[in-house]
Amino acid sequence: MPRQKSWREKLADDKGLPKIGRPMGKMTRRWGTGTMVVPAPREVDAIMRGVPRGKLITIAEIRAILAKKHGATMACPITTGIFAWIAAHAAEEAAAEGAARITPYWRTLKTGGELNPKYPGGTARLRAKLRAEGHRVVAKGKRLCVADYERSLVKVPR
């Protein structure tokens, strides 16, 4: 039985990405027409790494950066989210092995400033890390969000 890849190995495996194509079929109803870049995992990680302490970014902002970088209309929301999740787990894997500088994945939010419960440690760990950086986390129904997150977003060149 083959050994399962580590999170960092998954992050480093670009699988021939990035690729640019056109959304087809049902995808056009949901995301529109134009060109779509499917980014490489390390591209998503690099953007997440660039978010300084006290600042935040959303997956939508990451997608906008990737689309602009590749001259595409949009970046794939599914793979961008998956690669952010892989980057988060790779960061925790590196931290568990003693790395001092890891990707600050807790600064990457879902749409609307929502904390991603699928990141390592779930929303409890994210809340603690965000509070330590001066952010206020509030409940919106069953979801946890950063209050006034828009004020802390990194400036994304458009």
N, C-alpha and C. Protein backbone atom coordinates (compact mmCIF):
# COMPACT_ATOMS: atom_id res chain seq x y z
N MET A 1 0.85 -1.18 0.00
CA MET A 1 0.00 0.00 0.00
C MET A 1 0.90 1.24 0.00
N PRO A 2 0.65 2.18 -0.93
CA PRO A 2 1.50 3.38 -0.99
C PRO A 2 1.28 4.30 0.21
N ARG A 3 2.34 4.98 0.58
CA ARG A 3 2.30 5.92 1.69
C ARG A 3 1.49 7.15 1.29
N GLN A 4 0.71 7.66 2.22
CA GLN A 4 -0.08 8.86 1.96
C GLN A 4 0.84 10.08 1.98
N LYS A 5 0.63 11.00 1.05
CA LYS A 5 1.44 12.20 0.96
C LYS A 5 1.20 13.09 2.17
N SER A 6 2.24 13.79 2.59
CA SER A 6 2.09 14.77 3.66
C SER A 6 1.38 15.99 3.08
N TRP A 7 0.90 16.87 3.95
CA TRP A 7 0.26 18.09 3.49
C TRP A 7 1.22 18.95 2.69
N ARG A 8 2.48 19.02 3.14
CA ARG A 8 3.47 19.82 2.41
C ARG A 8 3.78 19.22 1.05
N GLU A 9 3.76 17.90 0.94
CA GLU A 9 3.95 17.26 -0.37
C GLU A 9 2.77 17.59 -1.29
N LYS A 10 1.56 17.58 -0.73
CA LYS A 10 0.37 17.94 -1.52
C LYS A 10 0.46 19.38 -2.00
N LEU A 11 0.95 20.26 -1.13
CA LEU A 11 1.08 21.68 -1.48
C LEU A 11 2.11 21.87 -2.60
N ALA A 12 3.17 21.09 -2.57
CA ALA A 12 4.25 21.22 -3.56
C ALA A 12 3.92 20.56 -4.91
N ASP A 13 2.88 19.75 -4.96
CA ASP A 13 2.52 19.03 -6.19
C ASP A 13 1.62 19.90 -7.06
N ASP A 14 2.21 20.54 -8.06
CA ASP A 14 1.45 21.45 -8.92
C ASP A 14 0.56 20.75 -9.95
N LYS A 15 0.78 19.48 -10.21
CA LYS A 15 -0.06 18.70 -11.13
C LYS A 15 -0.27 19.42 -12.48
N GLY A 16 0.78 20.07 -12.97
CA GLY A 16 0.67 20.75 -14.26
C GLY A 16 -0.10 22.06 -14.22
N LEU A 17 -0.36 22.58 -13.04
CA LEU A 17 -1.10 23.83 -12.90
C LEU A 17 -0.11 24.99 -12.78
N PRO A 18 -0.48 26.18 -13.11
CA PRO A 18 -1.82 26.66 -13.44
C PRO A 18 -2.22 26.34 -14.88
N LYS A 19 -3.53 26.32 -15.09
CA LYS A 19 -4.10 26.13 -16.42
C LYS A 19 -5.21 27.15 -16.61
N ILE A 20 -5.34 27.60 -17.83
CA ILE A 20 -6.41 28.55 -18.16
C ILE A 20 -7.32 27.91 -19.19
N GLY A 21 -8.61 28.02 -18.93
CA GLY A 21 -9.61 27.46 -19.84
C GLY A 21 -10.88 28.27 -19.77
N ARG A 22 -11.90 27.75 -20.39
CA ARG A 22 -13.20 28.42 -20.38
C ARG A 22 -14.20 27.56 -19.60
N PRO A 23 -14.99 28.21 -18.73
CA PRO A 23 -16.04 27.45 -18.04
C PRO A 23 -17.03 26.89 -19.07
N MET A 24 -17.51 25.69 -18.82
CA MET A 24 -18.41 25.03 -19.76
C MET A 24 -19.67 24.55 -19.03
N GLY A 25 -20.74 24.37 -19.76
CA GLY A 25 -21.96 23.78 -19.24
C GLY A 25 -22.53 24.49 -18.03
N LYS A 26 -22.79 23.72 -16.98
CA LYS A 26 -23.39 24.26 -15.76
C LYS A 26 -22.51 25.31 -15.08
N MET A 27 -21.21 25.21 -15.30
CA MET A 27 -20.30 26.18 -14.68
C MET A 27 -20.60 27.61 -15.15
N THR A 28 -21.01 27.78 -16.40
CA THR A 28 -21.27 29.13 -16.91
C THR A 28 -22.49 29.75 -16.24
N ARG A 29 -23.46 28.93 -15.87
CA ARG A 29 -24.64 29.48 -15.16
C ARG A 29 -24.26 29.99 -13.79
N ARG A 30 -23.34 29.32 -13.16
CA ARG A 30 -22.96 29.70 -11.80
C ARG A 30 -21.91 30.80 -11.76
N TRP A 31 -20.90 30.70 -12.64
CA TRP A 31 -19.77 31.62 -12.56
C TRP A 31 -19.63 32.55 -13.75
N GLY A 32 -20.43 32.36 -14.76
CA GLY A 32 -20.36 33.25 -15.91
C GLY A 32 -19.44 32.74 -17.00
N THR A 33 -19.23 33.60 -17.99
CA THR A 33 -18.39 33.22 -19.13
C THR A 33 -17.06 33.96 -19.06
N GLY A 34 -16.18 33.61 -19.94
CA GLY A 34 -14.85 34.23 -19.98
C GLY A 34 -13.80 33.16 -19.83
N THR A 35 -12.69 33.53 -19.23
CA THR A 35 -11.61 32.57 -19.01
C THR A 35 -11.43 32.35 -17.51
N MET A 36 -11.07 31.13 -17.15
CA MET A 36 -10.89 30.77 -15.74
C MET A 36 -9.52 30.14 -15.57
N VAL A 37 -8.79 30.63 -14.59
CA VAL A 37 -7.52 30.01 -14.24
C VAL A 37 -7.75 29.02 -13.10
N VAL A 38 -7.16 27.86 -13.26
CA VAL A 38 -7.09 26.89 -12.17
C VAL A 38 -5.67 27.04 -11.63
N PRO A 39 -5.52 27.64 -10.44
CA PRO A 39 -4.19 27.99 -9.96
C PRO A 39 -3.41 26.77 -9.46
N ALA A 40 -2.12 26.97 -9.28
CA ALA A 40 -1.29 25.97 -8.63
C ALA A 40 -1.41 26.16 -7.12
N PRO A 41 -1.31 25.09 -6.35
CA PRO A 41 -1.44 25.21 -4.90
C PRO A 41 -0.45 26.20 -4.29
N ARG A 42 0.78 26.22 -4.79
CA ARG A 42 1.78 27.12 -4.22
C ARG A 42 1.47 28.59 -4.50
N GLU A 43 0.72 28.87 -5.56
CA GLU A 43 0.32 30.26 -5.82
C GLU A 43 -0.63 30.75 -4.75
N VAL A 44 -1.58 29.90 -4.37
CA VAL A 44 -2.54 30.25 -3.32
C VAL A 44 -1.79 30.43 -2.00
N ASP A 45 -0.89 29.52 -1.70
CA ASP A 45 -0.10 29.61 -0.47
C ASP A 45 0.73 30.89 -0.44
N ALA A 46 1.33 31.27 -1.55
CA ALA A 46 2.16 32.48 -1.60
C ALA A 46 1.34 33.73 -1.28
N ILE A 47 0.13 33.79 -1.78
CA ILE A 47 -0.74 34.93 -1.49
C ILE A 47 -1.09 34.94 0.00
N MET A 48 -1.44 33.78 0.53
CA MET A 48 -1.78 33.69 1.95
C MET A 48 -0.60 34.08 2.83
N ARG A 49 0.60 33.69 2.45
CA ARG A 49 1.81 34.03 3.20
C ARG A 49 2.06 35.52 3.25
N GLY A 50 1.59 36.23 2.23
CA GLY A 50 1.84 37.66 2.13
C GLY A 50 0.92 38.54 2.96
N VAL A 51 -0.02 37.94 3.67
CA VAL A 51 -0.96 38.74 4.48
C VAL A 51 -0.30 39.05 5.82
N PRO A 52 -0.03 40.34 6.08
CA PRO A 52 0.67 40.70 7.32
C PRO A 52 -0.21 40.60 8.56
N ARG A 53 0.43 40.57 9.69
CA ARG A 53 -0.26 40.54 10.99
C ARG A 53 -1.23 41.72 11.08
N GLY A 54 -2.45 41.45 11.55
CA GLY A 54 -3.46 42.49 11.69
C GLY A 54 -4.30 42.70 10.44
N LYS A 55 -3.90 42.08 9.33
CA LYS A 55 -4.65 42.20 8.08
C LYS A 55 -5.34 40.88 7.77
N LEU A 56 -6.30 40.93 6.84
CA LEU A 56 -7.07 39.76 6.46
C LEU A 56 -7.21 39.71 4.94
N ILE A 57 -7.59 38.54 4.43
CA ILE A 57 -7.90 38.37 3.02
C ILE A 57 -9.02 37.33 2.93
N THR A 58 -9.83 37.44 1.90
CA THR A 58 -10.87 36.43 1.68
C THR A 58 -10.48 35.59 0.47
N ILE A 59 -11.12 34.45 0.35
CA ILE A 59 -10.89 33.61 -0.83
C ILE A 59 -11.24 34.39 -2.10
N ALA A 60 -12.26 35.23 -2.04
CA ALA A 60 -12.64 36.04 -3.21
C ALA A 60 -11.50 36.97 -3.61
N GLU A 61 -10.81 37.57 -2.65
CA GLU A 61 -9.68 38.45 -2.96
C GLU A 61 -8.53 37.64 -3.55
N ILE A 62 -8.29 36.46 -3.00
CA ILE A 62 -7.24 35.59 -3.56
C ILE A 62 -7.57 35.26 -5.01
N ARG A 63 -8.82 34.96 -5.27
CA ARG A 63 -9.24 34.64 -6.64
C ARG A 63 -9.03 35.83 -7.57
N ALA A 64 -9.32 37.03 -7.09
CA ALA A 64 -9.13 38.23 -7.92
C ALA A 64 -7.65 38.44 -8.25
N ILE A 65 -6.78 38.22 -7.28
CA ILE A 65 -5.34 38.35 -7.50
C ILE A 65 -4.87 37.34 -8.54
N LEU A 66 -5.33 36.10 -8.41
CA LEU A 66 -4.94 35.04 -9.34
C LEU A 66 -5.44 35.33 -10.75
N ALA A 67 -6.67 35.78 -10.87
CA ALA A 67 -7.24 36.08 -12.19
C ALA A 67 -6.43 37.18 -12.86
N LYS A 68 -6.12 38.23 -12.11
CA LYS A 68 -5.34 39.34 -12.68
C LYS A 68 -3.95 38.86 -13.09
N LYS A 69 -3.31 38.09 -12.23
CA LYS A 69 -1.96 37.59 -12.51
C LYS A 69 -1.92 36.81 -13.82
N HIS A 70 -2.95 36.03 -14.08
CA HIS A 70 -2.96 35.16 -15.26
C HIS A 70 -3.74 35.75 -16.44
N GLY A 71 -4.25 36.96 -16.28
CA GLY A 71 -5.00 37.59 -17.36
C GLY A 71 -6.30 36.87 -17.68
N ALA A 72 -6.90 36.30 -16.65
CA ALA A 72 -8.15 35.56 -16.81
C ALA A 72 -9.31 36.37 -16.25
N THR A 73 -10.52 36.01 -16.63
CA THR A 73 -11.71 36.66 -16.13
C THR A 73 -11.93 36.32 -14.66
N MET A 74 -11.59 35.09 -14.28
CA MET A 74 -11.83 34.62 -12.91
C MET A 74 -10.87 33.49 -12.58
N ALA A 75 -10.79 33.18 -11.28
CA ALA A 75 -10.04 32.01 -10.82
C ALA A 75 -11.04 31.01 -10.28
N CYS A 76 -10.74 29.75 -10.43
CA CYS A 76 -11.66 28.69 -10.02
C CYS A 76 -11.91 28.75 -8.51
N PRO A 77 -13.17 28.94 -8.11
CA PRO A 77 -13.46 29.03 -6.68
C PRO A 77 -13.25 27.71 -5.94
N ILE A 78 -13.49 26.61 -6.62
CA ILE A 78 -13.37 25.31 -5.95
C ILE A 78 -11.92 24.98 -5.65
N THR A 79 -11.06 25.03 -6.68
CA THR A 79 -9.66 24.68 -6.43
C THR A 79 -8.96 25.71 -5.55
N THR A 80 -9.32 26.98 -5.68
CA THR A 80 -8.70 27.99 -4.82
C THR A 80 -9.01 27.69 -3.35
N GLY A 81 -10.25 27.34 -3.06
CA GLY A 81 -10.63 26.99 -1.69
C GLY A 81 -9.94 25.73 -1.20
N ILE A 82 -9.85 24.73 -2.06
CA ILE A 82 -9.18 23.48 -1.69
C ILE A 82 -7.70 23.73 -1.41
N PHE A 83 -7.06 24.54 -2.27
CA PHE A 83 -5.63 24.80 -2.08
C PHE A 83 -5.36 25.65 -0.84
N ALA A 84 -6.29 26.52 -0.48
CA ALA A 84 -6.15 27.28 0.77
C ALA A 84 -6.22 26.32 1.96
N TRP A 85 -7.11 25.35 1.87
CA TRP A 85 -7.27 24.34 2.93
C TRP A 85 -6.00 23.49 3.04
N ILE A 86 -5.43 23.10 1.90
CA ILE A 86 -4.18 22.33 1.91
C ILE A 86 -3.05 23.18 2.50
N ALA A 87 -2.99 24.47 2.13
CA ALA A 87 -1.96 25.36 2.67
C ALA A 87 -2.07 25.46 4.20
N ALA A 88 -3.30 25.52 4.70
CA ALA A 88 -3.52 25.61 6.15
C ALA A 88 -3.00 24.36 6.85
N HIS A 89 -3.32 23.20 6.31
CA HIS A 89 -2.86 21.95 6.92
C HIS A 89 -1.34 21.78 6.79
N ALA A 90 -0.78 22.22 5.67
CA ALA A 90 0.67 22.17 5.49
C ALA A 90 1.37 23.07 6.51
N ALA A 91 0.77 24.22 6.80
CA ALA A 91 1.33 25.14 7.79
C ALA A 91 1.33 24.50 9.18
N GLU A 92 0.23 23.88 9.54
CA GLU A 92 0.16 23.22 10.85
C GLU A 92 1.12 22.05 10.93
N GLU A 93 1.27 21.33 9.84
CA GLU A 93 2.23 20.22 9.79
C GLU A 93 3.64 20.75 10.02
N ALA A 94 3.99 21.86 9.38
CA ALA A 94 5.31 22.47 9.56
C ALA A 94 5.49 22.97 11.00
N ALA A 95 4.44 23.57 11.56
CA ALA A 95 4.51 24.06 12.95
C ALA A 95 4.72 22.91 13.93
N ALA A 96 4.07 21.79 13.67
CA ALA A 96 4.21 20.62 14.55
C ALA A 96 5.64 20.08 14.53
N GLU A 97 6.33 20.35 13.42
CA GLU A 97 7.73 19.90 13.30
C GLU A 97 8.72 20.99 13.71
N GLY A 98 8.21 22.08 14.29
CA GLY A 98 9.07 23.10 14.86
C GLY A 98 9.35 24.32 13.98
N ALA A 99 8.70 24.43 12.84
CA ALA A 99 8.92 25.61 11.98
C ALA A 99 8.41 26.86 12.69
N ALA A 100 9.20 27.91 12.65
CA ALA A 100 8.83 29.16 13.33
C ALA A 100 7.92 30.01 12.45
N ARG A 101 8.17 30.02 11.15
CA ARG A 101 7.38 30.85 10.23
C ARG A 101 6.53 29.94 9.35
N ILE A 102 5.23 30.08 9.50
CA ILE A 102 4.30 29.27 8.71
C ILE A 102 3.31 30.20 8.01
N THR A 103 2.60 29.67 7.06
CA THR A 103 1.56 30.42 6.38
C THR A 103 0.48 30.79 7.40
N PRO A 104 0.17 32.09 7.54
CA PRO A 104 -0.85 32.52 8.53
C PRO A 104 -2.26 32.29 7.98
N TYR A 105 -2.65 31.05 7.91
CA TYR A 105 -3.92 30.66 7.28
C TYR A 105 -5.14 31.24 8.00
N TRP A 106 -5.01 31.54 9.29
CA TRP A 106 -6.15 32.07 10.06
C TRP A 106 -6.56 33.46 9.55
N ARG A 107 -5.71 34.10 8.77
CA ARG A 107 -6.02 35.42 8.21
C ARG A 107 -6.80 35.31 6.90
N THR A 108 -7.02 34.10 6.41
CA THR A 108 -7.78 33.88 5.18
C THR A 108 -9.20 33.47 5.55
N LEU A 109 -10.15 34.31 5.16
CA LEU A 109 -11.56 34.11 5.52
C LEU A 109 -12.38 33.68 4.32
N LYS A 110 -13.53 33.13 4.64
CA LYS A 110 -14.51 32.83 3.60
C LYS A 110 -15.27 34.12 3.27
N THR A 111 -16.17 34.03 2.31
CA THR A 111 -17.00 35.17 1.93
C THR A 111 -17.73 35.72 3.15
N GLY A 112 -17.83 37.04 3.21
CA GLY A 112 -18.54 37.68 4.32
C GLY A 112 -17.77 37.72 5.62
N GLY A 113 -16.46 37.40 5.56
CA GLY A 113 -15.64 37.45 6.77
C GLY A 113 -15.77 36.23 7.67
N GLU A 114 -16.35 35.16 7.14
CA GLU A 114 -16.60 33.96 7.94
C GLU A 114 -15.32 33.16 8.16
N LEU A 115 -15.16 32.63 9.38
CA LEU A 115 -14.06 31.74 9.70
C LEU A 115 -14.31 30.40 9.04
N ASN A 116 -13.25 29.76 8.58
CA ASN A 116 -13.38 28.47 7.90
C ASN A 116 -13.26 27.34 8.92
N PRO A 117 -14.37 26.67 9.24
CA PRO A 117 -14.32 25.62 10.26
C PRO A 117 -13.51 24.40 9.85
N LYS A 118 -13.13 24.31 8.56
CA LYS A 118 -12.36 23.16 8.09
C LYS A 118 -10.85 23.36 8.24
N TYR A 119 -10.43 24.56 8.66
CA TYR A 119 -9.01 24.79 8.89
C TYR A 119 -8.60 24.07 10.17
N PRO A 120 -7.30 23.77 10.33
CA PRO A 120 -6.83 23.05 11.51
C PRO A 120 -7.27 23.72 12.81
N GLY A 121 -7.79 22.91 13.72
CA GLY A 121 -8.23 23.42 15.02
C GLY A 121 -9.64 23.99 15.00
N GLY A 122 -10.23 24.08 13.81
CA GLY A 122 -11.59 24.58 13.71
C GLY A 122 -11.70 26.04 14.11
N THR A 123 -12.93 26.48 14.29
CA THR A 123 -13.17 27.90 14.56
C THR A 123 -12.63 28.34 15.93
N ALA A 124 -12.51 27.42 16.87
CA ALA A 124 -11.98 27.80 18.20
C ALA A 124 -10.54 28.29 18.08
N ARG A 125 -9.71 27.57 17.35
CA ARG A 125 -8.31 27.98 17.19
C ARG A 125 -8.22 29.26 16.35
N LEU A 126 -9.02 29.33 15.29
CA LEU A 126 -9.01 30.52 14.45
C LEU A 126 -9.40 31.76 15.26
N ARG A 127 -10.45 31.62 16.05
CA ARG A 127 -10.92 32.73 16.88
C ARG A 127 -9.81 33.21 17.81
N ALA A 128 -9.13 32.28 18.46
CA ALA A 128 -8.05 32.65 19.39
C ALA A 128 -6.92 33.38 18.66
N LYS A 129 -6.53 32.87 17.50
CA LYS A 129 -5.44 33.50 16.74
C LYS A 129 -5.84 34.88 16.23
N LEU A 130 -7.06 35.02 15.76
CA LEU A 130 -7.53 36.31 15.26
C LEU A 130 -7.68 37.33 16.40
N ARG A 131 -8.19 36.89 17.53
CA ARG A 131 -8.31 37.79 18.69
C ARG A 131 -6.93 38.26 19.14
N ALA A 132 -5.95 37.36 19.10
CA ALA A 132 -4.59 37.72 19.50
C ALA A 132 -4.00 38.80 18.58
N GLU A 133 -4.53 38.90 17.37
CA GLU A 133 -4.06 39.91 16.42
C GLU A 133 -4.96 41.14 16.41
N GLY A 134 -5.90 41.21 17.36
CA GLY A 134 -6.71 42.41 17.51
C GLY A 134 -8.05 42.41 16.80
N HIS A 135 -8.47 41.28 16.25
CA HIS A 135 -9.76 41.22 15.56
C HIS A 135 -10.85 40.77 16.53
N ARG A 136 -12.06 41.21 16.27
CA ARG A 136 -13.22 40.82 17.07
C ARG A 136 -14.03 39.81 16.28
N VAL A 137 -14.26 38.66 16.87
CA VAL A 137 -15.02 37.59 16.22
C VAL A 137 -16.41 37.55 16.83
N VAL A 138 -17.42 37.54 15.96
CA VAL A 138 -18.81 37.55 16.41
C VAL A 138 -19.57 36.40 15.76
N ALA A 139 -20.64 36.00 16.43
CA ALA A 139 -21.50 34.95 15.88
C ALA A 139 -22.56 35.59 15.00
N LYS A 140 -22.77 35.00 13.84
CA LYS A 140 -23.87 35.38 12.94
C LYS A 140 -24.64 34.10 12.69
N GLY A 141 -25.65 33.89 13.51
CA GLY A 141 -26.34 32.60 13.46
C GLY A 141 -25.40 31.53 13.97
N LYS A 142 -25.20 30.48 13.17
CA LYS A 142 -24.29 29.40 13.54
C LYS A 142 -22.86 29.65 13.07
N ARG A 143 -22.66 30.71 12.29
CA ARG A 143 -21.34 31.01 11.72
C ARG A 143 -20.59 32.00 12.62
N LEU A 144 -19.28 31.92 12.58
CA LEU A 144 -18.43 32.89 13.26
C LEU A 144 -17.76 33.75 12.20
N CYS A 145 -17.80 35.07 12.40
CA CYS A 145 -17.25 36.02 11.44
C CYS A 145 -16.40 37.05 12.16
N VAL A 146 -15.47 37.66 11.42
CA VAL A 146 -14.70 38.77 11.95
C VAL A 146 -15.54 40.02 11.77
N ALA A 147 -15.79 40.73 12.87
CA ALA A 147 -16.58 41.96 12.82
C ALA A 147 -15.81 43.01 12.03
N ASP A 148 -16.50 43.71 11.15
CA ASP A 148 -15.90 44.78 10.35
C ASP A 148 -14.62 44.32 9.64
N TYR A 149 -14.65 43.09 9.13
CA TYR A 149 -13.45 42.53 8.49
C TYR A 149 -12.99 43.37 7.30
N GLU A 150 -13.93 44.07 6.65
CA GLU A 150 -13.60 44.86 5.47
C GLU A 150 -12.52 45.89 5.77
N ARG A 151 -12.51 46.42 6.99
CA ARG A 151 -11.53 47.43 7.39
C ARG A 151 -10.11 46.86 7.44
N SER A 152 -10.00 45.57 7.60
CA SER A 152 -8.68 44.94 7.76
C SER A 152 -8.20 44.21 6.51
N LEU A 153 -8.98 44.26 5.45
CA LEU A 153 -8.59 43.54 4.23
C LEU A 153 -7.32 44.15 3.64
N VAL A 154 -6.46 43.29 3.13
CA VAL A 154 -5.27 43.78 2.43
C VAL A 154 -5.73 44.49 1.16
N LYS A 155 -5.00 45.46 0.75
CA LYS A 155 -5.33 46.18 -0.47
C LYS A 155 -4.96 45.31 -1.67
N VAL A 156 -5.97 44.96 -2.45
CA VAL A 156 -5.76 44.11 -3.61
C VAL A 156 -5.72 45.01 -4.85
N PRO A 157 -4.60 45.01 -5.57
CA PRO A 157 -4.56 45.83 -6.79
C PRO A 157 -5.55 45.31 -7.82
N ARG A 158 -6.35 46.17 -8.35
CA ARG A 158 -7.37 45.78 -9.34
C ARG A 158 -6.95 46.16 -10.73
